[in-house]
Amino acid sequence: QVQLVESGGGLVQAGGSLRLSCAASGRTFSSYAMGWFRQAPGKEREFVATVNGSGRSTYYADSVKGRFTISRDNAKSTVFLQMNSLKPEDTAVYYCAANFLFGYQLWSRGQGINYWGKGTLVTVSS
């Protein structure tokens, strides 16, 4: 069983930056691909980014490519999402996720996610 706890959300002005963190329990953190999803009010949850177990391979949604960076520290069992040039449309609850498998098709569809965090709210004001 893996528990995921997000932190780092908050209120920021458009153009600003935030860094989300997700701390994972368990001793097999590097075995999981990790990623982030988000859900805006009244919308379905959508894929944001994913990183493989070693941290060497990443995928991003087109809407965040070039602005967001996902990374991980396996020694600290933590995954990060650095969000720059934030826009009001980035406002959402951001969820951390873990999956034994890695790949764009799988993650972009949100398929086979083994574990979810409870989410952290990011609000971007215009």
Foldseek 3Di string as FASTA:
>chain_A
DKAKAKDWADEEAAQAKTKMKIAMDDDPLLLKKKAKWWDDPPGDIFGAKIAHSVFPDMDGDPVQPPFWDWGDDSVRRMIMIIGGRHDQVVWTWMKMFIASDDDCVCRRVVPRTPDIYPTDTHGYHD
